[in-house]
Amino acid sequence: MTQAPIGPAYPLLQNRTCSNCGLCFHAQFEAHVEEICPFEDDRVSEREVQLHGRSRRLSGDELYFGVFRSMHAARLSTPRPDSQTGGAVSTLLERLLDSGKVEAVLTTRRNPDNTGTPVLVRHAAELAHTGGSRWDLAPILDLVPEVKRQGIRRLAVVGVGCQVSALRAIEAQLGLEKLYVVGLVCTDNMTFANWQRLIKTTSRSPRTVKKLEFMADFRIWFWHENGAIEKVSYFEMPMDKLRGCFPQACLSCFDQTNGLADLSVGYMAADIGWQWFLVRNEQGEALFNLLRDDLEMGRFTDRGNRSEAMKQILRYLGKPAITLPSLLAQLFTWQVEHFGPRGLEFARLAVENKQTRNWYYLKTHRPDKLKKLIPRHVQAILDQYRLK
């Protein structure tokens, strides 16, 4: 296993529109940042055609979730205790290595403090420490030059949308026989310091939190060292203490569902305890089939109507987020959990929420980037709300 030293990463996250993917640590890529970086120009529609054979439809669920052949709600029949949500991705990576389909996996190692370090894994046994919560966004593409140095020809990469977009921009330069890309669904990320800030201001026992997740029941869940799960409503989080937590890159991103991956995996449209799989192309189908025999297949919930929630989101766009008193927050959370958007409709709401928020951020903070960064499918969503 090759492990990367951590470079001067996090100042980039806070001081400019950079998601810390790691490519700019290397002169040969830094010189071409305008053609590579997803925060310089949108090339999603063009690359969708190259990768998936067509661009996404501007109607139905492809408008929100990207090109896909099939969608599945599934979970491992025997969940992995060391995983973030069941462990399907870790199991898939093991299968790829054990079967010889890939020679290495580029992913992130989980450190004892829940930070992440980029690693190039050559043996399945080394994947034991790559699952679970990571409270930062590690620069996995820092190890891309190492792929070539080691003569690796068949590679799997796991990353979030901004990392995958940058990887696709240089894919042809890597000279690979095969590249499998597993994309993680991601709505926001933070630096390690800001994750600590969130935990400290939100959890009743910050020092014992070992894992956390924003869940589709409108709560953030904290898993503690003693096995207890603490659930805090989104609406009672101390937002006045969390201002500035999200970096400029997350506020400039329009690829929450990782549309340039072969197989996208996340929680957003699945019921709690299940995972959401988006098979995007032939390679994504091959990846999903490696897991299929060990998966329990479920059904999607598709309930509620996001339109009322979006009215409220747009009404308060650009205004300071409100923290409700605890009792009122609990009541409101119960109401939206039982009568609000769930399943696929929750995922559509999550995408529209982030994309309208990020459109507003660019409009007010980076108007020079507005036309460059907004893909045509995002503009189609904005048009529904008459946002220009």
Protein backbone atom coordinates (compact mmCIF):
# COMPACT_ATOMS: atom_id res chain seq x y z
CA MET A 1 0.00 0.00 0.00
CA THR A 2 1.33 3.41 -0.99
CA GLN A 3 0.29 6.26 1.29
CA ALA A 4 0.53 9.93 0.38
CA PRO A 5 2.04 12.56 2.64
CA ILE A 6 -0.50 15.29 3.27
CA GLY A 7 0.47 18.40 1.33
CA PRO A 8 -0.56 22.04 1.88
CA ALA A 9 -4.18 21.11 1.30
CA TYR A 10 -6.64 22.77 3.62
CA PRO A 11 -5.74 26.43 3.12
CA LEU A 12 -6.85 25.92 -0.50
CA LEU A 13 -10.27 24.77 0.68
CA GLN A 14 -10.90 27.93 2.63
CA ASN A 15 -9.15 30.60 0.59
CA ARG A 16 -10.18 29.81 -2.96
CA THR A 17 -12.56 27.69 -4.97
CA CYS A 18 -10.66 24.43 -4.53
CA SER A 19 -11.85 21.07 -3.26
CA ASN A 20 -8.38 19.77 -2.45
CA CYS A 21 -8.45 16.96 -5.05
CA GLY A 22 -4.64 16.82 -5.05
CA LEU A 23 -3.81 17.22 -8.74
CA CYS A 24 -2.51 20.75 -8.27
CA PHE A 25 0.21 19.41 -6.00
CA HIS A 26 1.93 18.35 -9.24
CA ALA A 27 3.33 20.84 -11.75
CA GLN A 28 2.28 18.90 -14.85
CA PHE A 29 -1.37 19.18 -13.82
CA GLU A 30 -1.27 22.59 -12.13
CA ALA A 31 -0.20 24.09 -15.46
CA HIS A 32 -3.48 22.89 -17.01
CA VAL A 33 -5.83 23.67 -14.15
CA GLU A 34 -8.31 25.55 -16.36
CA GLU A 35 -8.92 22.42 -18.45
CA ILE A 36 -8.98 20.08 -15.45
CA CYS A 37 -10.66 21.81 -12.52
CA PRO A 38 -14.47 21.46 -12.27
CA PHE A 39 -14.56 24.90 -10.63
CA GLU A 40 -13.11 26.61 -13.68
CA ASP A 41 -15.63 25.51 -16.31
CA ASP A 42 -18.50 23.03 -16.68
CA ARG A 43 -17.84 20.08 -18.95
CA VAL A 44 -20.38 17.66 -17.49
CA SER A 45 -22.65 17.39 -20.55
CA GLU A 46 -19.69 16.81 -22.88
CA ARG A 47 -18.18 14.14 -20.63
CA GLU A 48 -21.50 12.41 -20.02
CA VAL A 49 -21.69 11.69 -23.75
CA GLN A 50 -18.11 10.38 -23.78
CA LEU A 51 -18.61 8.13 -20.74
CA HIS A 52 -22.23 7.05 -20.98
CA GLY A 53 -22.95 7.36 -24.69
CA ARG A 54 -25.43 10.20 -24.29
CA SER A 55 -26.20 13.24 -22.16
CA ARG A 56 -28.86 13.11 -19.49
CA ARG A 57 -32.51 13.64 -20.29
CA LEU A 58 -33.87 16.98 -19.14
CA SER A 59 -36.99 15.39 -17.73
CA GLY A 60 -37.76 12.72 -15.17
CA ASP A 61 -35.19 11.57 -12.64
CA GLU A 62 -32.20 11.97 -14.97
CA LEU A 63 -32.66 15.71 -14.65
CA TYR A 64 -31.77 15.39 -10.96
CA PHE A 65 -29.63 12.25 -10.77
CA GLY A 66 -27.77 12.09 -14.10
CA VAL A 67 -27.56 9.40 -16.78
CA PHE A 68 -28.40 5.95 -15.45
CA ARG A 69 -29.30 2.52 -16.77
CA SER A 70 -30.86 1.37 -13.54
CA MET A 71 -31.36 2.47 -9.93
CA HIS A 72 -31.40 0.14 -6.95
CA ALA A 73 -32.14 0.30 -3.25
CA ALA A 74 -29.98 -2.45 -1.74
CA ARG A 75 -27.78 -3.43 1.18
CA LEU A 76 -25.31 -6.16 1.99
CA SER A 77 -27.06 -9.21 3.43
CA THR A 78 -24.34 -9.24 6.10
CA PRO A 79 -23.36 -5.62 6.89
CA ARG A 80 -19.78 -4.77 7.75
CA PRO A 81 -19.39 -3.28 11.24
CA ASP A 82 -16.45 -1.06 10.20
CA SER A 83 -18.37 0.66 7.40
CA GLN A 84 -20.15 3.97 7.01
CA THR A 85 -23.41 2.57 5.59
CA GLY A 86 -23.36 -1.20 5.35
CA GLY A 87 -20.03 -1.68 3.58
CA ALA A 88 -21.05 -2.40 -0.01
CA VAL A 89 -18.29 -0.21 -1.46
CA SER A 90 -15.57 -1.88 0.64
CA THR A 91 -16.82 -5.31 -0.42
CA LEU A 92 -16.88 -4.25 -4.07
CA LEU A 93 -13.27 -3.05 -3.91
CA GLU A 94 -12.19 -6.34 -2.35
CA ARG A 95 -13.89 -8.24 -5.17
CA LEU A 96 -12.13 -6.14 -7.80
CA LEU A 97 -8.72 -6.84 -6.28
CA ASP A 98 -9.30 -10.52 -5.49
CA SER A 99 -10.63 -11.22 -8.99
CA GLY A 100 -7.69 -9.49 -10.66
CA LYS A 101 -9.98 -7.07 -12.47
CA VAL A 102 -7.84 -4.29 -11.04
CA GLU A 103 -4.25 -4.16 -9.83
CA ALA A 104 -4.86 -1.31 -7.39
CA VAL A 105 -7.52 0.84 -5.76
CA LEU A 106 -7.06 4.56 -5.22
CA THR A 107 -9.05 5.55 -2.15
CA THR A 108 -8.72 7.03 1.34
CA ARG A 109 -7.42 5.46 4.53
CA ARG A 110 -9.28 6.30 7.74
CA ASN A 111 -6.90 7.52 10.42
CA PRO A 112 -7.53 7.04 14.17
CA ASP A 113 -8.76 10.64 14.48
CA ASN A 114 -11.14 10.12 11.50
CA THR A 115 -9.09 12.24 9.13
CA GLY A 116 -8.28 10.66 5.78
CA THR A 117 -5.04 9.92 3.96
CA PRO A 118 -4.90 9.03 0.22
CA VAL A 119 -3.77 5.45 -0.36
CA LEU A 120 -3.03 3.24 -3.34
CA VAL A 121 -4.07 -0.24 -2.24
CA ARG A 122 -2.62 -3.32 -3.99
CA HIS A 123 -4.01 -6.11 -1.76
CA ALA A 124 -7.57 -6.65 -0.53
CA ALA A 125 -6.48 -7.13 3.09
CA GLU A 126 -5.22 -3.54 3.11
CA LEU A 127 -8.76 -2.23 2.59
CA ALA A 128 -9.66 -2.92 6.22
CA HIS A 129 -8.91 0.66 7.23
CA THR A 130 -10.55 2.43 4.29
CA GLY A 131 -14.22 2.20 5.37
CA GLY A 132 -16.20 4.32 7.79
CA SER A 133 -16.40 8.04 8.60
CA ARG A 134 -13.76 10.49 7.37
CA TRP A 135 -14.07 14.05 8.66
CA ASP A 136 -12.31 15.80 5.83
CA LEU A 137 -11.83 15.58 2.07
CA ALA A 138 -8.47 13.93 1.44
CA PRO A 139 -6.56 14.79 -1.77
CA ILE A 140 -6.75 11.32 -3.33
CA LEU A 141 -5.55 12.48 -6.76
CA ASP A 142 -2.22 13.41 -5.19
CA LEU A 143 -1.32 9.76 -5.84
CA VAL A 144 -2.20 9.76 -9.55
CA PRO A 145 1.48 10.11 -10.64
CA GLU A 146 2.25 7.08 -8.46
CA VAL A 147 -0.12 4.99 -10.59
CA LYS A 148 2.09 5.56 -13.61
CA ARG A 149 5.33 5.12 -11.66
CA GLN A 150 4.19 1.70 -10.44
CA GLY A 151 3.12 0.61 -13.91
CA ILE A 152 -0.48 0.02 -12.89
CA ARG A 153 -2.71 -0.60 -15.91
CA ARG A 154 -6.03 -1.61 -14.27
CA LEU A 155 -7.27 0.77 -11.59
CA ALA A 156 -10.35 1.45 -9.49
CA VAL A 157 -10.92 4.88 -7.95
CA VAL A 158 -13.39 5.90 -5.24
CA GLY A 159 -14.18 9.60 -4.95
CA VAL A 160 -16.75 12.36 -4.67
CA GLY A 161 -17.96 14.35 -7.67
CA CYS A 162 -15.26 17.04 -7.80
CA GLN A 163 -12.51 14.42 -7.55
CA VAL A 164 -14.12 12.25 -10.22
CA SER A 165 -14.56 15.21 -12.58
CA ALA A 166 -10.85 16.12 -12.29
CA LEU A 167 -9.87 12.49 -12.76
CA ARG A 168 -11.95 12.18 -15.94
CA ALA A 169 -10.22 15.26 -17.34
CA ILE A 170 -6.82 13.51 -17.20
CA GLU A 171 -8.00 9.93 -17.76
CA ALA A 172 -6.59 9.72 -21.29
CA GLN A 173 -3.13 10.70 -20.00
CA LEU A 174 -2.94 7.77 -17.60
CA GLY A 175 -2.57 5.10 -20.29
CA LEU A 176 -4.78 2.63 -18.42
CA GLU A 177 -6.24 -0.55 -19.87
CA LYS A 178 -9.18 -0.29 -17.49
CA LEU A 179 -10.49 2.35 -15.09
CA TYR A 180 -13.44 1.67 -12.81
CA VAL A 181 -14.88 4.71 -11.03
CA VAL A 182 -17.09 4.34 -7.96
CA GLY A 183 -18.64 7.72 -7.18
CA LEU A 184 -19.83 8.70 -3.71
CA VAL A 185 -22.94 10.86 -3.51
CA CYS A 186 -21.95 14.07 -1.70
CA THR A 187 -23.82 17.26 -0.89
CA ASP A 188 -21.25 19.09 1.27
CA ASN A 189 -17.92 18.52 2.97
CA MET A 190 -15.70 20.42 5.38
CA THR A 191 -12.19 20.65 6.68
CA PHE A 192 -11.33 18.56 9.72
CA ALA A 193 -11.36 21.70 11.90
CA ASN A 194 -14.88 22.59 10.81
CA TRP A 195 -16.16 19.05 11.33
CA GLN A 196 -14.80 19.33 14.86
CA ARG A 197 -16.55 22.66 15.20
CA LEU A 198 -19.85 21.10 14.09
CA ILE A 199 -19.50 18.16 16.47
CA LYS A 200 -18.51 20.39 19.39
CA THR A 201 -21.44 22.76 18.93
CA THR A 202 -24.07 20.13 18.08
CA SER A 203 -23.41 16.90 20.01
CA ARG A 204 -24.00 16.49 23.75
CA SER A 205 -20.78 14.44 24.01
CA PRO A 206 -18.34 15.65 21.34
CA ARG A 207 -15.35 13.73 22.66
CA THR A 208 -17.02 10.32 22.26
CA VAL A 209 -18.33 10.77 18.68
CA LYS A 210 -16.74 8.22 16.36
CA LYS A 211 -19.03 8.46 13.34
CA LEU A 212 -21.69 10.81 11.99
CA GLU A 213 -24.07 11.06 9.07
CA PHE A 214 -26.66 13.51 7.79
CA MET A 215 -29.73 11.31 7.38
CA ALA A 216 -32.90 11.41 5.32
CA ASP A 217 -35.06 11.68 8.47
CA PHE A 218 -33.99 15.36 8.72
CA ARG A 219 -31.57 14.61 11.55
CA ILE A 220 -27.83 14.31 11.96
CA TRP A 221 -26.89 11.03 13.65
CA PHE A 222 -23.86 10.76 15.94
CA TRP A 223 -22.55 7.30 16.82
CA HIS A 224 -20.71 7.28 20.15
CA GLU A 225 -17.96 5.03 21.51
CA ASN A 226 -20.39 3.25 23.86
CA GLY A 227 -22.67 2.28 20.97
CA ALA A 228 -25.29 4.98 21.61
CA ILE A 229 -26.75 6.89 18.69
CA GLU A 230 -27.56 10.56 19.26
CA LYS A 231 -29.98 12.20 16.82
CA VAL A 232 -30.17 15.96 16.43
CA SER A 233 -32.75 17.68 14.25
CA TYR A 234 -31.41 19.74 11.37
CA PHE A 235 -33.67 22.53 12.61
CA GLU A 236 -32.09 22.79 16.07
CA MET A 237 -28.48 22.86 14.93
CA PRO A 238 -26.75 26.07 16.15
CA MET A 239 -26.45 27.65 12.72
CA ASP A 240 -25.11 30.96 14.06
CA LYS A 241 -22.04 29.05 15.31
CA LEU A 242 -21.59 27.15 12.05
CA ARG A 243 -21.44 30.03 9.57
CA GLY A 244 -18.57 29.67 7.14
CA CYS A 245 -18.19 25.93 7.69
CA PHE A 246 -18.73 24.96 4.08
CA PRO A 247 -15.85 25.77 1.70
CA GLN A 248 -16.27 27.75 -1.50
CA ALA A 249 -15.89 24.57 -3.56
CA CYS A 250 -18.96 22.92 -2.01
CA LEU A 251 -20.91 26.14 -2.54
CA SER A 252 -19.89 26.11 -6.22
CA CYS A 253 -20.64 22.43 -6.93
CA PHE A 254 -23.51 21.14 -9.08
CA ASP A 255 -22.68 17.43 -9.12
CA GLN A 256 -24.11 16.09 -5.89
CA THR A 257 -24.95 12.66 -7.40
CA ASN A 258 -21.55 12.10 -9.06
CA GLY A 259 -22.78 11.91 -12.63
CA LEU A 260 -19.39 11.06 -14.19
CA ALA A 261 -18.87 7.85 -12.19
CA ASP A 262 -19.55 4.39 -13.58
CA LEU A 263 -21.47 3.47 -10.44
CA SER A 264 -22.70 6.06 -7.92
CA VAL A 265 -23.43 5.02 -4.34
CA GLY A 266 -25.05 7.00 -1.53
CA TYR A 267 -27.84 7.25 0.98
CA MET A 268 -29.93 10.10 -0.37
CA ALA A 269 -32.84 8.28 -2.08
CA ALA A 270 -32.73 5.13 0.06
CA ASP A 271 -34.55 4.41 3.30
CA ILE A 272 -32.42 4.42 6.45
CA GLY A 273 -30.17 1.37 6.56
CA TRP A 274 -30.19 0.94 2.78
CA GLN A 275 -27.94 2.27 0.04
CA TRP A 276 -28.77 3.89 -3.27
CA PHE A 277 -26.98 2.54 -6.36
CA LEU A 278 -27.03 4.34 -9.72
CA VAL A 279 -25.70 2.16 -12.54
CA ARG A 280 -24.63 4.65 -15.21
CA ASN A 281 -22.97 2.61 -17.97
CA GLU A 282 -21.73 -0.84 -18.94
CA GLN A 283 -18.81 -0.70 -16.51
CA GLY A 284 -21.15 0.38 -13.74
CA GLU A 285 -23.32 -2.64 -14.50
CA ALA A 286 -20.29 -4.93 -14.25
CA LEU A 287 -19.43 -3.39 -10.88
CA PHE A 288 -22.96 -3.82 -9.55
CA ASN A 289 -23.07 -7.42 -10.77
CA LEU A 290 -19.96 -8.21 -8.72
CA LEU A 291 -22.02 -7.43 -5.62
CA ARG A 292 -25.46 -8.60 -6.66
CA ASP A 293 -25.36 -12.10 -5.12
CA ASP A 294 -24.52 -10.62 -1.69
CA LEU A 295 -27.14 -7.88 -1.79
CA GLU A 296 -30.58 -7.78 -0.32
CA MET A 297 -32.71 -5.83 -2.78
CA GLY A 298 -35.27 -3.33 -1.54
CA ARG A 299 -37.83 -0.93 -2.95
CA PHE A 300 -37.70 2.82 -3.18
CA THR A 301 -40.04 5.01 -1.20
CA ASP A 302 -41.35 7.92 -3.25
CA ARG A 303 -43.60 10.00 -1.05
CA GLY A 304 -44.54 13.61 -0.40
CA ASN A 305 -44.20 16.76 -2.44
CA ARG A 306 -41.03 18.85 -2.40
CA SER A 307 -42.72 21.96 -3.80
CA GLU A 308 -43.78 23.38 -0.42
CA ALA A 309 -40.33 22.76 1.03
CA MET A 310 -38.72 24.46 -1.97
CA LYS A 311 -41.00 27.49 -1.52
CA GLN A 312 -39.64 27.89 2.02
CA ILE A 313 -36.05 27.29 0.90
CA LEU A 314 -36.31 29.94 -1.81
CA ARG A 315 -38.07 32.37 0.53
CA TYR A 316 -35.08 32.29 2.89
CA LEU A 317 -32.39 32.03 0.22
CA GLY A 318 -29.44 34.21 1.21
CA LYS A 319 -30.80 34.91 4.68
CA PRO A 320 -29.21 33.62 7.89
CA ALA A 321 -30.37 30.10 8.74
CA ILE A 322 -32.78 29.92 11.66
CA THR A 323 -32.28 27.65 14.67
CA LEU A 324 -35.59 26.59 16.20
CA PRO A 325 -36.08 26.04 19.95
CA SER A 326 -35.58 22.35 20.75
CA LEU A 327 -39.24 21.45 21.37
CA LEU A 328 -40.43 23.25 18.25
CA ALA A 329 -37.59 21.70 16.21
CA GLN A 330 -38.57 18.21 17.38
CA LEU A 331 -42.21 18.83 16.49
CA PHE A 332 -41.34 20.23 13.06
CA THR A 333 -38.92 17.35 12.39
CA TRP A 334 -41.60 14.79 13.27
CA GLN A 335 -44.00 16.54 10.91
CA VAL A 336 -41.64 16.61 7.91
CA GLU A 337 -40.39 13.09 8.65
CA HIS A 338 -43.90 11.65 8.55
CA PHE A 339 -45.56 13.89 5.96
CA GLY A 340 -42.73 15.50 4.01
CA PRO A 341 -40.63 14.21 1.07
CA ARG A 342 -39.16 10.74 1.53
CA GLY A 343 -37.09 8.42 -0.61
CA LEU A 344 -36.74 9.53 -4.21
CA GLU A 345 -38.67 12.73 -3.54
CA PHE A 346 -36.30 13.55 -0.67
CA ALA A 347 -33.37 13.05 -3.07
CA ARG A 348 -34.95 15.39 -5.64
CA LEU A 349 -35.45 17.96 -2.88
CA ALA A 350 -31.85 17.58 -1.67
CA VAL A 351 -30.51 18.16 -5.19
CA GLU A 352 -32.76 21.18 -5.82
CA ASN A 353 -31.92 22.62 -2.42
CA LYS A 354 -28.15 22.45 -2.96
CA GLN A 355 -28.28 23.58 -6.57
CA THR A 356 -30.43 26.65 -5.87
CA ARG A 357 -28.27 27.50 -2.83
CA ASN A 358 -25.12 27.21 -4.92
CA TRP A 359 -26.62 29.20 -7.79
CA TYR A 360 -27.33 31.99 -5.29
CA TYR A 361 -23.81 31.79 -3.89
CA LEU A 362 -22.26 32.19 -7.33
CA LYS A 363 -24.69 34.95 -8.28
CA THR A 364 -23.80 36.98 -5.20
CA HIS A 365 -20.13 36.07 -4.66
CA ARG A 366 -18.75 34.89 -8.02
CA PRO A 367 -20.96 36.29 -10.80
CA ASP A 368 -18.07 35.88 -13.23
CA LYS A 369 -18.41 32.10 -12.78
CA LEU A 370 -22.18 31.90 -13.06
CA LYS A 371 -22.46 31.06 -16.76
CA LYS A 372 -19.29 28.95 -16.78
CA LEU A 373 -20.19 26.59 -13.98
CA ILE A 374 -23.92 25.93 -14.35
CA PRO A 375 -24.67 22.90 -16.57
CA ARG A 376 -27.71 22.91 -18.82
CA HIS A 377 -29.57 20.41 -16.62
CA VAL A 378 -29.11 22.67 -13.58
CA GLN A 379 -30.39 25.62 -15.58
CA ALA A 380 -33.46 23.52 -16.42
CA ILE A 381 -34.11 23.12 -12.68
CA LEU A 382 -33.53 26.82 -12.05
CA ASP A 383 -35.95 27.68 -14.87
CA GLN A 384 -38.71 25.83 -13.01
CA TYR A 385 -38.31 28.39 -10.23
CA ARG A 386 -37.68 31.33 -12.56
CA LEU A 387 -34.15 31.82 -11.24
CA LYS A 388 -31.79 33.60 -13.64
